[in-house]
Amino acid sequence: MRKIYVLGALLAMSLTNAQQTLPFVDSFSYPAGNLHQTSPWSVLGTASATDQILLDGSKVTFEAGGTDAQVTVTSQTTGTVYYAFDLTITGALAAVIDANGGYLAGFTQNATTFGGTLWIKKDPADATNTKFAFGTEVRTATGTATSFTPYSYDLGTTYKVLVGYTFNTGGASDDSSKLWINPTVNDEASPLITDTHTGADLTSIVSFFLRQDSATETPAVAIDNLKISTTFNDVMLSAEKFDNIAGLRVSPNPATTELNILSDSFAAKTVEMYDVLGKVALKATVTSQPLNISGLAKGVYVAKITEEGRVATRKVVVE
């Protein structure tokens, strides 16, 4: 799998985190390592010395307690913001005994205020420890107000999970969180769950996070194909939407002074070269002429290429 994600400009949620413009897509095909140490991700809260959200080249895996990771996005304050990913519970649920369940993903307003969270709760009546429910909560506290599905989901099965947080305008505690499991493009109006209850609404969404809570709340999970957007259809479409420039060819790679960027079309292409910190190191428009990269320092870059509204990314090594 290729790492495909839409890179945004570097803005200031913090001094080190690069905010991503939406839609954002990540298939987690980074080198093996810790997610919170891999750009554009960063730590949320305090890092653990031992328990990390792990990358294996194609997905992320984690369980029990440990370091949480976030990707910051341009601030959202209106409408509905969605996230979706493929999720598999990979380990037995025997230890996941918290009566309220636990949450493992969601949106943040800041480092301690969350919303649109995704919850997992084991079926207490299932002696095989393989059945669980999904849940969502508009604003996260102890989980006592979380809305859950029936216990109809199975260990080892991959589910497409989609959550939408809606900023409503009627008051300060009327926002909602909706949950879909394995939805189709026609299911926007029919979520499995709509959660809303009293309490302060989020004033903004500034990041998406993955969370390791504790051994009694967080089972062993694998997550892949993350999408975050402001429209239901965007998160329902595959990552290929963002890699669909027909016949795109980028060469040579590694490169030194010039980069040829060609496709089946002769249309103009906007090229943005991002360094490992998420900063735009070069931006130019090309058609058939080579892109001059002689001013770039040696290193690894991500080239975001836009042609007639279509977007693709390629990793480029400059020597």
Protein backbone atom coordinates (compact mmCIF):
# COMPACT_ATOMS: atom_id res chain seq x y z
CA MET A 1 0.00 0.00 0.00
CA ARG A 2 1.11 3.56 -0.63
CA LYS A 3 0.86 6.35 1.87
CA ILE A 4 -1.72 8.74 0.45
CA TYR A 5 -2.66 11.82 2.38
CA VAL A 6 -3.56 15.39 1.60
CA LEU A 7 -0.99 17.76 3.06
CA GLY A 8 -1.97 21.21 4.31
CA ALA A 9 -0.11 24.36 5.19
CA LEU A 10 1.83 24.66 8.43
CA LEU A 11 -0.34 26.64 10.84
CA ALA A 12 -0.14 27.17 14.56
CA MET A 13 -2.04 24.86 16.81
CA SER A 14 1.37 24.38 18.36
CA LEU A 15 4.87 25.27 17.32
CA THR A 16 5.59 21.83 15.94
CA ASN A 17 2.36 20.39 14.52
CA ALA A 18 1.47 20.85 10.86
CA GLN A 19 -2.25 21.33 10.31
CA GLN A 20 -3.74 19.32 7.47
CA THR A 21 -6.36 20.69 5.14
CA LEU A 22 -9.50 18.59 4.62
CA PRO A 23 -10.12 16.14 3.11
CA PHE A 24 -7.26 14.19 4.70
CA VAL A 25 -6.50 10.56 3.85
CA ASP A 26 -3.93 8.24 5.42
CA SER A 27 -3.36 4.56 4.63
CA PHE A 28 -0.54 4.32 7.23
CA SER A 29 2.09 2.85 4.90
CA TYR A 30 4.90 4.55 6.80
CA PRO A 31 8.04 2.67 7.83
CA ALA A 32 7.65 0.60 10.98
CA GLY A 33 7.80 2.76 14.09
CA ASN A 34 5.70 4.84 16.48
CA LEU A 35 2.78 6.79 15.03
CA HIS A 36 3.20 9.84 17.27
CA GLN A 37 6.80 10.23 16.03
CA THR A 38 5.80 10.08 12.34
CA SER A 39 4.85 13.29 10.51
CA PRO A 40 2.16 14.59 10.20
CA TRP A 41 1.17 12.83 13.44
CA SER A 42 2.21 13.97 16.90
CA VAL A 43 1.67 13.07 20.53
CA LEU A 44 -1.56 14.03 22.28
CA GLY A 45 -0.95 14.58 25.96
CA THR A 46 2.08 12.88 27.50
CA ALA A 47 4.06 10.16 25.73
CA SER A 48 4.53 6.81 27.43
CA ALA A 49 8.05 5.41 27.60
CA THR A 50 6.96 1.96 26.43
CA ASP A 51 3.40 1.64 25.11
CA GLN A 52 3.00 3.20 21.65
CA ILE A 53 0.57 3.15 18.73
CA LEU A 54 2.63 1.09 16.30
CA LEU A 55 3.12 1.28 12.54
CA ASP A 56 3.90 -1.90 10.59
CA GLY A 57 4.03 -0.51 7.05
CA SER A 58 0.35 -0.95 6.22
CA LYS A 59 -1.75 -0.09 9.32
CA VAL A 60 -1.62 0.96 12.97
CA THR A 61 -2.03 -1.40 15.91
CA PHE A 62 -2.44 -0.75 19.63
CA GLU A 63 -4.05 -2.03 22.83
CA ALA A 64 -4.45 -1.26 26.55
CA GLY A 65 -2.96 2.03 27.82
CA GLY A 66 -0.16 4.18 26.46
CA THR A 67 0.68 7.08 24.17
CA ASP A 68 -2.12 8.78 22.22
CA ALA A 69 -1.48 10.22 18.75
CA GLN A 70 -3.19 13.04 16.84
CA VAL A 71 -3.17 14.67 13.44
CA THR A 72 -4.08 18.37 13.55
CA VAL A 73 -6.43 19.83 10.94
CA THR A 74 -7.54 23.30 9.96
CA SER A 75 -10.06 24.42 12.57
CA GLN A 76 -13.68 23.44 11.87
CA THR A 77 -16.55 25.27 13.60
CA THR A 78 -19.64 24.68 11.44
CA GLY A 79 -21.48 21.92 9.61
CA THR A 80 -20.54 18.27 10.06
CA VAL A 81 -17.03 16.83 10.24
CA TYR A 82 -16.63 13.12 9.50
CA TYR A 83 -13.98 10.48 10.02
CA ALA A 84 -13.95 6.92 8.75
CA PHE A 85 -11.54 4.00 8.91
CA ASP A 86 -11.33 0.22 8.72
CA LEU A 87 -11.21 -1.33 12.20
CA THR A 88 -10.54 -4.89 13.34
CA ILE A 89 -10.56 -6.10 16.94
CA THR A 90 -7.65 -8.53 16.80
CA GLY A 91 -7.30 -9.82 20.38
CA ALA A 92 -9.60 -11.58 22.81
CA LEU A 93 -11.82 -9.30 24.87
CA ALA A 94 -11.50 -11.14 28.18
CA ALA A 95 -9.59 -8.29 29.86
CA VAL A 96 -11.85 -5.52 28.50
CA ILE A 97 -14.18 -5.51 31.48
CA ASP A 98 -14.98 -1.83 32.09
CA ALA A 99 -18.77 -1.59 32.40
CA ASN A 100 -18.84 1.65 30.39
CA GLY A 101 -16.49 0.47 27.65
CA GLY A 102 -13.73 2.71 26.35
CA TYR A 103 -13.12 5.11 23.48
CA LEU A 104 -10.27 4.79 21.00
CA ALA A 105 -10.78 7.64 18.48
CA GLY A 106 -12.41 11.02 18.12
CA PHE A 107 -12.06 14.74 17.57
CA THR A 108 -10.43 17.29 19.87
CA GLN A 109 -11.13 20.90 20.74
CA ASN A 110 -7.94 20.92 22.79
CA ALA A 111 -5.75 18.41 24.62
CA THR A 112 -8.46 17.56 27.16
CA THR A 113 -11.80 18.31 25.45
CA PHE A 114 -13.02 15.62 23.03
CA GLY A 115 -16.13 14.93 20.96
CA GLY A 116 -17.48 12.59 18.32
CA THR A 117 -15.70 9.71 20.05
CA LEU A 118 -15.82 6.06 19.00
CA TRP A 119 -16.41 3.53 21.78
CA ILE A 120 -16.04 -0.24 22.14
CA LYS A 121 -17.81 -2.29 24.86
CA LYS A 122 -17.59 -6.04 25.35
CA ASP A 123 -20.78 -8.07 25.67
CA PRO A 124 -20.82 -8.99 29.40
CA ALA A 125 -23.06 -11.99 28.71
CA ASP A 126 -20.75 -13.53 26.10
CA ALA A 127 -18.57 -16.24 27.64
CA THR A 128 -16.50 -16.55 24.45
CA ASN A 129 -15.23 -12.95 24.80
CA THR A 130 -15.73 -12.34 21.07
CA LYS A 131 -18.85 -10.14 20.90
CA PHE A 132 -18.88 -6.36 21.31
CA ALA A 133 -20.84 -3.18 20.64
CA PHE A 134 -19.81 0.07 18.97
CA GLY A 135 -20.76 3.40 20.52
CA THR A 136 -20.38 7.13 20.06
CA GLU A 137 -20.63 10.14 22.33
CA VAL A 138 -21.05 13.77 21.34
CA ARG A 139 -18.81 14.90 24.20
CA THR A 140 -16.71 12.51 26.17
CA ALA A 141 -16.85 12.16 29.94
CA THR A 142 -17.13 8.82 31.78
CA GLY A 143 -19.08 6.92 29.14
CA THR A 144 -22.27 6.66 31.20
CA ALA A 145 -24.10 8.73 28.56
CA THR A 146 -22.58 7.01 25.51
CA SER A 147 -25.04 5.57 22.97
CA PHE A 148 -24.25 1.99 21.90
CA THR A 149 -25.31 -0.44 19.21
CA PRO A 150 -26.44 -3.98 20.12
CA TYR A 151 -23.67 -6.51 20.89
CA SER A 152 -23.73 -7.84 17.34
CA TYR A 153 -20.12 -7.35 16.21
CA ASP A 154 -17.40 -10.00 16.15
CA LEU A 155 -13.76 -10.35 17.02
CA GLY A 156 -11.56 -10.69 13.92
CA THR A 157 -14.01 -9.06 11.48
CA THR A 158 -13.05 -5.82 9.74
CA TYR A 159 -15.67 -3.07 9.89
CA LYS A 160 -15.82 0.28 8.12
CA VAL A 161 -16.59 2.74 10.92
CA LEU A 162 -17.86 6.25 10.16
CA VAL A 163 -18.54 8.99 12.72
CA GLY A 164 -19.89 12.48 12.08
CA TYR A 165 -19.85 15.39 14.55
CA THR A 166 -22.44 18.10 13.77
CA PHE A 167 -22.21 21.68 15.04
CA ASN A 168 -25.82 22.73 15.61
CA THR A 169 -26.81 26.36 16.09
CA GLY A 170 -29.76 26.24 18.49
CA GLY A 171 -27.77 26.49 21.69
CA ALA A 172 -24.59 25.64 23.58
CA SER A 173 -25.44 21.95 24.16
CA ASP A 174 -27.29 20.73 21.07
CA ASP A 175 -24.51 19.27 18.91
CA SER A 176 -24.75 15.63 17.86
CA SER A 177 -22.54 12.66 17.04
CA LYS A 178 -23.67 10.01 14.55
CA LEU A 179 -22.31 6.52 13.92
CA TRP A 180 -22.48 4.27 10.88
CA ILE A 181 -21.02 0.75 10.54
CA ASN A 182 -20.34 -0.58 7.03
CA PRO A 183 -22.40 2.22 5.43
CA THR A 184 -23.09 2.72 1.74
CA VAL A 185 -23.08 6.05 -0.09
CA ASN A 186 -26.88 6.15 0.28
CA ASP A 187 -26.89 5.87 4.09
CA GLU A 188 -26.11 9.44 5.14
CA ALA A 189 -29.65 10.04 6.40
CA SER A 190 -29.84 6.77 8.35
CA PRO A 191 -27.08 6.42 10.96
CA LEU A 192 -27.21 3.53 13.40
CA ILE A 193 -26.89 5.94 16.34
CA THR A 194 -27.40 9.64 16.94
CA ASP A 195 -26.01 10.75 20.30
CA THR A 196 -26.89 14.08 21.88
CA HIS A 197 -27.16 15.06 25.55
CA THR A 198 -26.69 18.01 27.85
CA GLY A 199 -23.23 19.45 28.32
CA ALA A 200 -21.02 22.01 26.64
CA ASP A 201 -20.64 21.57 22.88
CA LEU A 202 -17.27 21.68 21.19
CA THR A 203 -16.51 25.19 19.98
CA SER A 204 -14.17 23.86 17.30
CA ILE A 205 -12.48 20.71 15.98
CA VAL A 206 -8.72 21.05 15.65
CA SER A 207 -7.49 17.46 15.49
CA PHE A 208 -8.36 13.79 15.13
CA PHE A 209 -6.84 11.34 17.62
CA LEU A 210 -6.29 7.66 18.30
CA ARG A 211 -6.34 6.70 21.98
CA GLN A 212 -4.96 3.96 24.20
CA ASP A 213 -7.05 4.09 27.36
CA SER A 214 -6.34 1.13 29.65
CA ALA A 215 -6.20 -2.66 29.67
CA THR A 216 -9.81 -2.85 30.85
CA GLU A 217 -11.09 -0.42 28.18
CA THR A 218 -9.00 -0.76 25.01
CA PRO A 219 -8.82 -4.12 23.20
CA ALA A 220 -6.14 -5.02 20.65
CA VAL A 221 -7.13 -3.20 17.45
CA ALA A 222 -5.85 -2.66 13.91
CA ILE A 223 -6.85 0.48 11.99
CA ASP A 224 -6.28 1.37 8.34
CA ASN A 225 -7.56 3.69 5.57
CA LEU A 226 -8.36 6.78 7.63
CA LYS A 227 -10.34 9.56 5.96
CA ILE A 228 -11.42 12.89 7.48
CA SER A 229 -13.66 15.31 5.60
CA THR A 230 -16.58 17.72 5.83
CA THR A 231 -18.81 15.64 3.53
CA PHE A 232 -20.20 12.14 3.91
CA ASN A 233 -19.41 11.22 0.30
CA ASP A 234 -15.74 12.15 0.69
CA VAL A 235 -15.16 9.74 3.55
CA MET A 236 -17.11 7.03 1.73
CA LEU A 237 -14.90 7.25 -1.33
CA SER A 238 -11.70 5.22 -1.44
CA ALA A 239 -8.27 6.76 -1.10
CA GLU A 240 -7.83 6.39 -4.84
CA LYS A 241 -9.91 9.58 -5.21
CA PHE A 242 -6.78 11.38 -4.09
CA ASP A 243 -4.47 9.42 -6.40
CA ASN A 244 -6.37 9.48 -9.66
CA ILE A 245 -4.24 11.47 -12.11
CA ALA A 246 -4.23 9.11 -15.06
CA GLY A 247 -0.80 7.94 -16.15
CA LEU A 248 1.08 10.05 -13.61
CA ARG A 249 4.84 9.59 -13.90
CA VAL A 250 7.45 11.25 -11.66
CA SER A 251 11.10 10.78 -12.59
CA PRO A 252 13.95 10.48 -11.96
CA ASN A 253 13.60 9.38 -8.37
CA PRO A 254 15.99 9.93 -6.63
CA ALA A 255 16.50 13.30 -8.34
CA THR A 256 19.13 16.03 -8.15
CA THR A 257 18.26 19.21 -10.06
CA GLU A 258 15.14 18.45 -12.15
CA LEU A 259 11.99 16.40 -11.80
CA ASN A 260 9.83 15.32 -14.73
CA ILE A 261 6.13 15.21 -13.86
CA LEU A 262 4.04 13.86 -16.71
CA SER A 263 0.60 12.33 -17.14
CA ASP A 264 -1.76 11.21 -19.89
CA SER A 265 -3.07 14.77 -20.01
CA PHE A 266 -1.19 17.86 -21.16
CA ALA A 267 -3.01 19.96 -18.57
CA ALA A 268 -1.11 22.22 -16.18
CA LYS A 269 -0.11 20.71 -12.86
CA THR A 270 0.41 22.53 -9.57
CA VAL A 271 3.24 20.90 -7.62
CA GLU A 272 3.88 21.45 -3.92
CA MET A 273 6.96 19.85 -2.37
CA TYR A 274 6.61 19.23 1.38
CA ASP A 275 9.54 18.46 3.65
CA VAL A 276 9.42 16.01 6.56
CA LEU A 277 8.09 18.73 8.88
CA GLY A 278 5.12 19.40 6.63
CA LYS A 279 6.45 22.74 5.36
CA VAL A 280 6.05 23.75 1.72
CA ALA A 281 9.61 23.84 0.41
CA LEU A 282 8.67 24.54 -3.23
CA LYS A 283 5.51 25.39 -5.15
CA ALA A 284 5.32 25.70 -8.94
CA THR A 285 3.11 25.06 -11.95
CA VAL A 286 4.36 22.86 -14.78
CA THR A 287 2.96 21.41 -18.01
CA SER A 288 5.55 19.47 -20.00
CA GLN A 289 8.69 21.24 -18.76
CA PRO A 290 10.79 19.76 -15.91
CA LEU A 291 10.40 21.11 -12.39
CA ASN A 292 13.56 22.83 -11.17
CA ILE A 293 14.40 21.41 -7.73
CA SER A 294 18.01 22.60 -7.58
CA GLY A 295 17.18 24.85 -4.64
CA LEU A 296 15.96 22.00 -2.44
CA ALA A 297 18.17 20.55 0.28
CA LYS A 298 18.94 16.85 0.13
CA GLY A 299 16.27 14.75 1.80
CA VAL A 300 12.87 13.10 1.47
CA TYR A 301 9.88 15.11 0.24
CA VAL A 302 6.23 14.50 -0.53
CA ALA A 303 5.11 15.97 -3.85
CA LYS A 304 1.44 16.94 -3.87
CA ILE A 305 0.35 17.20 -7.51
CA THR A 306 -2.95 18.76 -8.54
CA GLU A 307 -4.28 18.50 -12.11
CA GLU A 308 -7.78 19.70 -13.06
CA GLY A 309 -9.07 19.10 -9.52
CA ARG A 310 -7.46 15.67 -9.19
CA VAL A 311 -4.83 15.15 -6.54
CA ALA A 312 -2.01 12.65 -6.16
CA THR A 313 1.02 12.40 -3.90
CA ARG A 314 4.45 10.86 -4.49
CA LYS A 315 7.46 10.45 -2.23
CA VAL A 316 10.55 12.01 -3.83
CA VAL A 317 14.15 11.68 -2.72
CA VAL A 318 16.45 14.62 -3.52
CA GLU A 319 20.17 13.81 -3.60
